[in-house]
């Protein structure tokens, strides 16, 4: 009996252990979330090209322009159609019915029709114009891509700036907490007044509120960028802080040469000039005669039969072919063709003006971007030195305060100056990086 009880206890213990393992085994372990993706500036630009609505719309316009080119090429080639028709004419006691143009009460047309306009086959203006329109659409797609890229650059470095300000504020809160600790200890020893402790605590509370605002600023900046680079709403990512990477500004002449050859606005304007010139050629086609060929093969008879057999044994062949050539010579249309030519010439002049304006705008934008990058780079050293001096000033001010040679207001003022200097240095770095990235985009290197 005792042995049986012992075995039963062992069985219950074994069952308990197995059930506990089932609850705490690998299947019950919490899933570790993957770390957030780290997005570089190039990654962000690539993702914006993939998911940006403006760029996708420009790509759709490009695809439509390609289809226009296919249609223009197909229009030059012969066409083949199946012509199916049955004509019923009211009878009047004769074999042809009431309409003398018809040769019977019933007429059946079942024919294959081949058509070719030799004028279109010999003219290349329509196809070349479609190719030029495709080039314009391609350049506009690149314009859209660079427009999205400029927005991505701004939003990307807005995150970097917000995170830099957040890091500076965290350091500032730590420094404010240290000052509150110093004043509290000195108050206990009777070395400073209660007012100094309150001043430090008020300053600390303000910095803590600023810290929360900075955290919200980072979230907002991530939302603005995430909308552009992800297919769905996502803020679970971080960006690479490349502010300290030194870059050289290319000489203006070198940048101008690179920008002129790759700038999509100029390329679109040049393609627009070509397209407008071809519009003039196509409009002048209206003054030329047209020559078409048509070939018909099938049935055109009063019976839907290949042969009509008569009672005397004779028959009529219904299945056959015919061909026709048509020459159309334009004579008079009240000046409509001349008006179309004039209209096309005016569009060509407008396209030339647009090209000139695009080239001048590019040179001005390039000069501004280069000047901005140079100035931002020159100011970085001064901003860095100001940050270092503000750090040293706060250190010395704390030493003076502990020695009783300065006031709490002077310490708080030194803390504010240091925080402003740190933020100014971070802003200067961001300003330079934005100017550098914009210049690289203008020259086609980004």
Protein backbone atom coordinates (compact mmCIF):
# COMPACT_ATOMS: atom_id res chain seq x y z
CA UNK A 1 0.00 0.00 0.00
CA UNK A 2 2.80 2.43 0.89
CA UNK A 3 4.60 1.55 -2.36
CA UNK A 4 1.47 2.30 -4.37
CA UNK A 5 1.11 5.70 -2.67
CA UNK A 6 4.78 6.44 -3.36
CA UNK A 7 4.36 5.64 -7.08
CA UNK A 8 1.22 7.80 -7.26
CA UNK A 9 3.10 10.74 -5.66
CA UNK A 10 5.96 10.38 -8.13
CA UNK A 11 3.53 10.35 -11.05
CA UNK A 12 1.83 13.54 -9.82
CA UNK A 13 5.23 15.21 -9.31
CA UNK A 14 6.33 14.20 -12.81
CA UNK A 15 3.12 15.60 -14.30
CA UNK A 16 3.58 18.86 -12.38
CA UNK A 17 7.17 19.27 -13.60
CA UNK A 18 6.17 18.60 -17.21
CA UNK A 19 3.30 21.10 -17.05
CA UNK A 20 5.60 23.73 -15.51
CA UNK A 21 8.16 23.19 -18.26
CA UNK A 22 5.42 23.55 -20.86
CA UNK A 23 4.50 26.93 -19.39
CA UNK A 24 8.04 28.19 -18.99
CA UNK A 25 9.67 26.49 -22.01
CA UNK A 26 10.90 28.17 -25.18
CA UNK A 27 7.36 28.62 -26.54
CA UNK A 28 6.41 30.66 -23.48
CA UNK A 29 9.45 32.95 -23.60
CA UNK A 30 8.63 36.55 -24.50
CA UNK A 31 9.42 37.55 -28.08
CA UNK A 32 12.30 40.00 -28.31
CA UNK A 33 11.41 42.87 -30.62
CA UNK A 34 13.99 43.57 -33.33
CA UNK A 35 15.93 46.81 -32.95
CA UNK A 36 14.59 49.79 -34.92
CA UNK A 37 16.00 50.27 -38.39
CA UNK A 38 18.81 52.81 -38.78
CA UNK A 39 18.14 54.97 -41.85
CA UNK A 40 20.95 56.82 -43.59
CA UNK A 41 20.34 59.81 -45.83
CA UNK A 42 20.88 57.72 -48.97
CA UNK A 43 18.47 55.09 -47.63
CA UNK A 44 15.87 57.78 -47.01
CA UNK A 45 16.27 59.19 -50.53
CA UNK A 46 15.98 55.71 -52.05
CA UNK A 47 12.88 54.91 -50.02
CA UNK A 48 11.29 58.25 -50.95
CA UNK A 49 11.74 57.41 -54.64
CA UNK A 50 9.96 54.12 -54.01
CA UNK A 51 7.08 55.31 -51.83
CA UNK A 52 6.77 59.06 -52.50
CA UNK A 53 3.38 59.87 -54.03
CA UNK A 54 4.70 62.77 -56.11
CA UNK A 55 7.44 60.64 -57.64
CA UNK A 56 5.05 57.76 -58.32
CA UNK A 57 2.69 60.15 -60.13
CA UNK A 58 5.58 61.40 -62.28
CA UNK A 59 6.52 57.80 -63.09
CA UNK A 60 2.95 57.09 -64.17
CA UNK A 61 3.11 60.12 -66.48
CA UNK A 62 6.35 58.72 -67.93
CA UNK A 63 4.72 55.34 -68.55
CA UNK A 64 1.83 57.08 -70.32
CA UNK A 65 4.30 58.97 -72.52
CA UNK A 66 5.94 55.67 -73.48
CA UNK A 67 2.56 54.33 -74.55
CA UNK A 68 2.07 57.47 -76.70
CA UNK A 69 5.35 56.62 -78.45
CA UNK A 70 4.14 53.07 -79.12
CA UNK A 71 0.89 54.42 -80.55
CA UNK A 72 2.70 56.91 -82.80
CA UNK A 73 4.90 54.14 -84.18
CA UNK A 74 1.92 51.83 -84.69
CA UNK A 75 0.05 54.57 -86.59
CA UNK A 76 2.69 54.45 -89.35
CA UNK A 77 2.11 50.74 -90.02
CA UNK A 78 -0.68 49.10 -92.05
CA UNK A 79 -3.86 48.17 -90.19
CA UNK A 80 -6.09 45.15 -90.68
CA UNK A 81 -9.77 45.18 -89.71
CA UNK A 82 -12.70 42.80 -90.06
CA UNK A 83 -15.68 44.59 -91.64
CA UNK A 84 -19.07 42.99 -90.91
CA UNK A 85 -22.28 44.54 -92.23
CA UNK A 86 -25.81 43.62 -93.27
CA UNK A 87 -27.92 46.20 -95.09
CA UNK A 88 -31.68 45.77 -95.44
CA UNK A 89 -33.54 47.93 -97.96
CA UNK A 90 -37.31 48.30 -98.17
CA UNK A 91 -38.65 46.37 -101.11
CA UNK A 92 -40.76 47.97 -103.88
CA UNK A 93 -41.36 45.04 -106.22
CA UNK A 94 -37.98 45.33 -107.92
CA UNK A 95 -34.80 43.40 -107.24
CA UNK A 96 -32.98 46.44 -105.82
CA UNK A 97 -35.64 47.89 -103.50
CA UNK A 98 -36.50 51.54 -102.92
CA UNK A 99 -32.87 52.78 -102.76
CA UNK A 100 -31.31 52.81 -106.19
CA UNK A 101 -27.82 52.93 -104.73
CA UNK A 102 -28.31 49.39 -103.39
CA UNK A 103 -28.34 46.44 -105.74
CA UNK A 104 -30.69 44.30 -103.70
CA UNK A 105 -33.03 44.17 -100.73
CA UNK A 106 -30.32 42.34 -98.72
CA UNK A 107 -26.64 43.21 -98.84
CA UNK A 108 -23.98 41.35 -96.86
CA UNK A 109 -20.48 42.70 -96.30
CA UNK A 110 -17.98 40.35 -94.68
CA UNK A 111 -14.52 41.62 -95.54
CA UNK A 112 -10.98 41.94 -94.29
CA UNK A 113 -9.78 45.51 -94.83
CA UNK A 114 -6.09 46.44 -95.01
CA UNK A 115 -5.40 50.18 -94.79
CA UNK A 116 -2.20 52.17 -95.10
CA UNK A 117 -1.58 55.91 -95.14
CA UNK A 118 1.67 56.31 -97.05
CA UNK A 119 1.99 59.88 -95.86
CA UNK A 120 2.24 58.74 -92.25
CA UNK A 121 4.74 56.06 -93.19
CA UNK A 122 7.03 58.60 -94.82
CA UNK A 123 6.66 61.26 -92.10
CA UNK A 124 8.63 60.92 -88.86
CA UNK A 125 7.40 64.01 -87.02
CA UNK A 126 4.69 62.29 -84.98
CA UNK A 127 7.05 59.57 -83.70
CA UNK A 128 9.85 62.04 -82.96
CA UNK A 129 7.40 64.30 -81.14
CA UNK A 130 6.23 61.38 -79.01
CA UNK A 131 9.87 60.53 -78.23
CA UNK A 132 10.49 64.15 -77.23
CA UNK A 133 7.39 64.09 -74.99
CA UNK A 134 8.74 60.91 -73.41
CA UNK A 135 12.05 62.67 -72.74
CA UNK A 136 10.15 65.56 -71.13
CA UNK A 137 8.21 63.14 -68.92
CA UNK A 138 11.43 61.35 -67.94
CA UNK A 139 13.08 64.64 -66.99
CA UNK A 140 10.00 65.70 -65.02
CA UNK A 141 10.13 62.40 -63.16
CA UNK A 142 13.67 63.28 -62.15
CA UNK A 143 12.51 66.79 -61.18
CA UNK A 144 9.88 65.19 -58.95
CA UNK A 145 12.49 62.86 -57.49
CA UNK A 146 14.76 65.78 -56.62
CA UNK A 147 11.84 67.75 -55.23
CA UNK A 148 11.00 64.85 -52.95
CA UNK A 149 14.71 64.53 -52.18
CA UNK A 150 14.91 68.14 -51.02
CA UNK A 151 11.99 67.54 -48.66
CA UNK A 152 13.59 64.33 -47.41
CA UNK A 153 16.86 66.16 -46.69
CA UNK A 154 15.04 68.83 -44.67
CA UNK A 155 13.00 66.27 -42.71
CA UNK A 156 15.99 63.97 -42.19
CA UNK A 157 18.12 66.67 -40.64
CA UNK A 158 15.13 67.98 -38.71
CA UNK A 159 15.26 64.66 -36.85
CA UNK A 160 19.02 64.97 -36.38
CA UNK A 161 18.60 68.50 -35.04
CA UNK A 162 15.74 67.52 -32.73
CA UNK A 163 17.75 64.59 -31.35
CA UNK A 164 20.79 66.86 -30.85
CA UNK A 165 18.68 69.37 -28.95
CA UNK A 166 17.22 66.52 -26.92
CA UNK A 167 20.69 65.26 -26.00
CA UNK A 168 21.76 68.78 -25.05
CA UNK A 169 18.69 69.21 -22.87
CA UNK A 170 19.38 65.93 -21.09
CA UNK A 171 22.86 67.16 -20.27
CA UNK A 172 21.37 70.46 -19.20
CA UNK A 173 18.90 68.69 -16.87
CA UNK A 174 21.77 66.72 -15.36
CA UNK A 175 23.70 69.94 -14.77
CA UNK A 176 20.62 71.60 -13.26
CA UNK A 177 20.11 68.61 -10.93
CA UNK A 178 23.73 68.88 -9.85
CA UNK A 179 23.28 72.57 -9.06
CA UNK A 180 20.11 71.87 -7.04
CA UNK A 181 22.06 69.25 -5.10
CA UNK A 182 24.86 71.74 -4.41
CA UNK A 183 22.47 74.47 -3.22
CA UNK A 184 20.53 72.00 -1.04
CA UNK A 185 23.68 70.83 0.70
CA UNK A 186 24.93 74.37 1.23
CA UNK A 187 21.53 75.42 2.57
CA UNK A 188 21.71 72.64 5.15
CA UNK A 189 25.11 73.94 6.23
CA UNK A 190 23.70 77.48 6.39
CA UNK A 191 25.98 78.76 3.65
CA UNK A 192 23.30 79.96 1.17
CA UNK A 193 19.77 81.26 1.42
CA UNK A 194 16.61 79.32 0.62
CA UNK A 195 16.15 81.55 -2.43
CA UNK A 196 19.14 79.90 -4.14
CA UNK A 197 17.58 76.45 -3.74
CA UNK A 198 14.27 77.71 -5.12
CA UNK A 199 16.02 79.36 -8.07
CA UNK A 200 17.77 76.11 -8.91
CA UNK A 201 14.56 74.09 -8.57
CA UNK A 202 12.59 76.51 -10.77
CA UNK A 203 15.30 76.30 -13.41
CA UNK A 204 15.32 72.49 -13.17
CA UNK A 205 11.53 72.29 -13.62
CA UNK A 206 11.74 74.48 -16.71
CA UNK A 207 14.48 72.33 -18.21
CA UNK A 208 12.45 69.19 -17.52
CA UNK A 209 9.47 70.72 -19.35
CA UNK A 210 11.75 71.68 -22.24
CA UNK A 211 13.00 68.08 -22.29
CA UNK A 212 9.44 66.79 -22.79
CA UNK A 213 8.89 69.30 -25.60
CA UNK A 214 12.12 68.13 -27.23
CA UNK A 215 10.99 64.51 -27.04
CA UNK A 216 7.74 65.50 -28.75
CA UNK A 217 9.76 67.37 -31.39
CA UNK A 218 11.67 64.19 -32.23
CA UNK A 219 8.43 62.26 -32.61
CA UNK A 220 6.93 64.91 -34.90
CA UNK A 221 10.08 65.00 -37.04
CA UNK A 222 10.01 61.21 -37.40
CA UNK A 223 6.38 61.30 -38.43
CA UNK A 224 7.14 63.88 -41.15
CA UNK A 225 9.94 61.73 -42.58
CA UNK A 226 8.20 58.38 -42.06
CA UNK A 227 5.30 59.45 -44.27
CA UNK A 228 7.75 59.86 -47.16
CA UNK A 229 9.95 56.78 -46.78
CA UNK A 230 7.59 54.02 -45.58
CA UNK A 231 4.55 52.52 -47.30
CA UNK A 232 2.65 52.55 -43.99
CA UNK A 233 2.70 54.73 -40.89
CA UNK A 234 5.93 54.02 -39.02
CA UNK A 235 8.01 55.93 -36.49
CA UNK A 236 10.00 52.96 -35.18
CA UNK A 237 13.28 53.93 -36.80
CA UNK A 238 16.34 56.04 -36.13
CA UNK A 239 18.54 58.11 -38.40
CA UNK A 240 22.29 58.22 -38.70
CA UNK A 241 23.84 61.32 -37.14
CA UNK A 242 26.48 62.35 -39.69
CA UNK A 243 26.94 65.92 -38.47
CA UNK A 244 30.58 65.45 -37.51
CA UNK A 245 31.60 64.02 -40.90
CA UNK A 246 33.80 66.61 -42.54
CA UNK A 247 33.05 67.39 -46.18
CA UNK A 248 34.64 69.81 -48.60
CA UNK A 249 32.59 72.17 -50.72
CA UNK A 250 33.47 71.67 -54.42
CA UNK A 251 34.62 74.72 -56.35
CA UNK A 252 31.78 76.66 -57.93
CA UNK A 253 33.07 76.09 -61.49
CA UNK A 254 33.17 72.32 -60.96
CA UNK A 255 29.74 72.32 -59.37
CA UNK A 256 28.32 74.46 -62.20
CA UNK A 257 29.63 72.02 -64.83
CA UNK A 258 28.15 69.03 -63.00
CA UNK A 259 24.80 70.70 -62.39
CA UNK A 260 24.38 71.90 -66.00
CA UNK A 261 24.85 68.40 -67.39
CA UNK A 262 22.60 66.60 -64.90
CA UNK A 263 19.99 69.13 -63.78
CA UNK A 264 16.54 67.72 -64.62
CA UNK A 265 14.90 71.15 -64.92
CA UNK A 266 17.30 72.14 -67.70
CA UNK A 267 16.97 68.72 -69.33
CA UNK A 268 13.17 68.99 -69.26
CA UNK A 269 13.34 72.49 -70.76
CA UNK A 270 15.65 71.29 -73.56
CA UNK A 271 13.36 68.36 -74.33
CA UNK A 272 10.44 70.81 -74.33
CA UNK A 273 12.20 72.92 -76.98
CA UNK A 274 12.70 69.81 -79.12
CA UNK A 275 9.09 68.79 -78.69
CA UNK A 276 7.84 72.29 -79.57
CA UNK A 277 9.98 72.29 -82.73
CA UNK A 278 8.46 68.98 -83.79
CA UNK A 279 5.00 70.40 -83.11
CA UNK A 280 5.74 72.96 -85.83
CA UNK A 281 6.74 70.20 -88.25
CA UNK A 282 3.62 68.18 -87.52
CA UNK A 283 1.42 71.27 -87.95
CA UNK A 284 2.97 71.88 -91.39
CA UNK A 285 1.96 68.37 -92.43
CA UNK A 286 -1.55 69.81 -92.79
CA UNK A 287 -0.38 71.58 -95.98
CA UNK A 288 0.72 68.31 -97.60
CA UNK A 289 -1.50 65.91 -99.58
CA UNK A 290 -2.29 62.49 -98.16
CA UNK A 291 -2.19 59.23 -100.08
CA UNK A 292 -3.90 56.10 -98.74
CA UNK A 293 -4.22 52.52 -99.96
CA UNK A 294 -7.07 50.15 -99.06
CA UNK A 295 -7.42 46.48 -99.89
CA UNK A 296 -10.70 44.60 -99.39
CA UNK A 297 -11.15 40.84 -99.44
CA UNK A 298 -14.38 39.04 -98.64
CA UNK A 299 -18.07 39.03 -99.53
CA UNK A 300 -20.16 41.93 -100.82
CA UNK A 301 -23.29 40.28 -102.12
CA UNK A 302 -27.05 39.92 -101.73
CA UNK A 303 -26.56 36.48 -100.20
CA UNK A 304 -24.21 35.43 -97.42
CA UNK A 305 -22.58 32.80 -99.64
CA UNK A 306 -19.26 32.43 -101.38
CA UNK A 307 -21.16 31.49 -104.57
CA UNK A 308 -24.71 32.15 -105.75
CA UNK A 309 -26.08 29.26 -107.82
CA UNK A 310 -28.87 29.78 -110.35
CA UNK A 311 -31.52 27.36 -111.60
CA UNK A 312 -29.89 27.07 -115.03
CA UNK A 313 -26.73 25.72 -113.45
CA UNK A 314 -24.75 28.93 -113.65
CA UNK A 315 -23.28 30.58 -110.59
CA UNK A 316 -21.92 33.91 -109.46
CA UNK A 317 -18.62 34.28 -107.57
CA UNK A 318 -19.25 36.37 -104.41
CA UNK A 319 -15.92 35.91 -102.64
CA UNK A 320 -13.26 38.24 -104.04
CA UNK A 321 -11.16 41.33 -103.53
CA UNK A 322 -10.89 44.97 -104.51
CA UNK A 323 -8.37 47.74 -103.98
CA UNK A 324 -8.52 51.50 -103.99
CA UNK A 325 -6.04 54.36 -103.84
CA UNK A 326 -7.06 57.78 -102.51
CA UNK A 327 -5.16 61.05 -102.97
CA UNK A 328 -6.46 63.95 -100.85
CA UNK A 329 -5.10 67.41 -101.63
CA UNK A 330 -5.83 70.21 -99.13
CA UNK A 331 -7.20 73.27 -100.91
CA UNK A 332 -8.98 75.58 -98.48
CA UNK A 333 -9.92 75.38 -94.79
CA UNK A 334 -10.25 79.07 -93.88
CA UNK A 335 -6.70 79.39 -92.58
CA UNK A 336 -7.02 76.72 -89.88
CA UNK A 337 -3.77 75.01 -90.87
CA UNK A 338 -1.87 78.31 -90.95
CA UNK A 339 -3.25 79.12 -87.51
CA UNK A 340 -2.05 75.74 -86.15
CA UNK A 341 1.44 76.41 -87.55
CA UNK A 342 1.53 79.88 -85.99
CA UNK A 343 0.34 78.44 -82.68
CA UNK A 344 3.08 75.80 -82.74
CA UNK A 345 5.72 78.44 -83.51
CA UNK A 346 4.55 80.48 -80.52
CA UNK A 347 4.83 77.40 -78.28
CA UNK A 348 8.37 76.92 -79.56
CA UNK A 349 9.25 80.50 -78.59
CA UNK A 350 7.78 79.92 -75.15
CA UNK A 351 9.83 76.74 -74.77
CA UNK A 352 12.99 78.68 -75.64
CA UNK A 353 12.16 81.25 -72.97
CA UNK A 354 11.52 78.48 -70.44
CA UNK A 355 14.93 76.96 -71.24
CA UNK A 356 16.70 80.29 -70.76
CA UNK A 357 14.89 80.85 -67.45
CA UNK A 358 15.71 77.32 -66.25
CA UNK A 359 19.41 77.84 -67.00
CA UNK A 360 19.53 81.19 -65.22
CA UNK A 361 17.58 79.82 -62.25
CA UNK A 362 20.01 76.91 -62.00
CA UNK A 363 23.03 79.21 -61.93
CA UNK A 364 21.45 81.39 -59.24
CA UNK A 365 20.41 78.38 -57.14
CA UNK A 366 23.86 76.87 -57.49
CA UNK A 367 25.60 80.08 -56.44
CA UNK A 368 23.31 80.43 -53.42
CA UNK A 369 23.83 76.82 -52.36
CA UNK A 370 27.60 77.11 -52.71
CA UNK A 371 27.70 80.37 -50.74
CA UNK A 372 25.46 78.86 -48.03
CA UNK A 373 27.68 75.77 -47.71
CA UNK A 374 30.88 77.84 -47.56
CA UNK A 375 29.52 80.23 -44.93
CA UNK A 376 28.10 77.40 -42.82
CA UNK A 377 31.43 75.60 -42.91
CA UNK A 378 33.37 78.74 -41.94
CA UNK A 379 31.14 79.33 -38.90
CA UNK A 380 31.47 75.80 -37.51
CA UNK A 381 34.82 76.44 -35.83
CA UNK A 382 33.54 79.60 -34.17
CA UNK A 383 30.41 77.81 -32.93
CA UNK A 384 32.49 74.93 -31.56
CA UNK A 385 34.78 77.30 -29.70
CA UNK A 386 31.76 79.12 -28.24
CA UNK A 387 30.40 75.81 -26.95
CA UNK A 388 33.74 74.93 -25.36
CA UNK A 389 34.04 78.38 -23.77
CA UNK A 390 30.48 78.14 -22.40
CA UNK A 391 31.33 74.77 -20.88
CA UNK A 392 34.41 76.20 -19.19
CA UNK A 393 32.44 79.25 -18.06
CA UNK A 394 29.86 77.07 -16.31
CA UNK A 395 32.58 75.04 -14.60
CA UNK A 396 34.29 78.16 -13.29
CA UNK A 397 30.97 79.71 -12.26
CA UNK A 398 30.11 76.64 -10.18
CA UNK A 399 33.51 76.81 -8.48
CA UNK A 400 32.98 80.49 -7.71
CA UNK A 401 29.49 79.77 -6.38
CA UNK A 402 30.79 77.05 -4.09
CA UNK A 403 33.42 79.50 -2.89
CA UNK A 404 30.72 82.11 -2.25
CA UNK A 405 31.97 84.48 -4.98
CA UNK A 406 28.96 84.31 -7.35
CA UNK A 407 25.18 84.11 -7.13
CA UNK A 408 22.71 81.42 -8.12
CA UNK A 409 21.40 83.70 -10.85
CA UNK A 410 24.86 83.81 -12.44
CA UNK A 411 25.10 80.00 -12.39
CA UNK A 412 21.66 79.61 -14.00
CA UNK A 413 22.62 82.20 -16.59
CA UNK A 414 25.81 80.25 -17.35
CA UNK A 415 23.74 77.07 -17.73
CA UNK A 416 21.40 78.81 -20.18
CA UNK A 417 24.35 80.18 -22.13
CA UNK A 418 25.90 76.73 -22.37
CA UNK A 419 22.67 75.14 -23.57
CA UNK A 420 22.24 77.86 -26.20
CA UNK A 421 25.84 77.44 -27.35
CA UNK A 422 25.44 73.67 -27.68
CA UNK A 423 22.22 74.08 -29.66
CA UNK A 424 23.80 76.75 -31.84
CA UNK A 425 26.69 74.41 -32.66
CA UNK A 426 24.28 71.59 -33.50
CA UNK A 427 22.21 73.98 -35.64
CA UNK A 428 25.36 75.10 -37.44
CA UNK A 429 26.28 71.50 -38.20
CA UNK A 430 22.77 70.82 -39.50
CA UNK A 431 22.83 73.97 -41.58
CA UNK A 432 26.09 72.90 -43.18
CA UNK A 433 24.91 69.34 -43.83
CA UNK A 434 21.68 70.56 -45.46
CA UNK A 435 23.61 73.01 -47.64
CA UNK A 436 26.11 70.31 -48.57
CA UNK A 437 23.39 67.76 -49.40
CA UNK A 438 21.47 70.34 -51.46
CA UNK A 439 24.63 71.15 -53.40
CA UNK A 440 25.31 67.47 -53.97
CA UNK A 441 21.77 67.01 -55.26
CA UNK A 442 22.10 69.96 -57.62
CA UNK A 443 25.29 68.50 -59.09
CA UNK A 444 23.76 65.02 -59.44
CA UNK A 445 26.01 63.38 -56.84
CA UNK A 446 23.23 62.43 -54.43
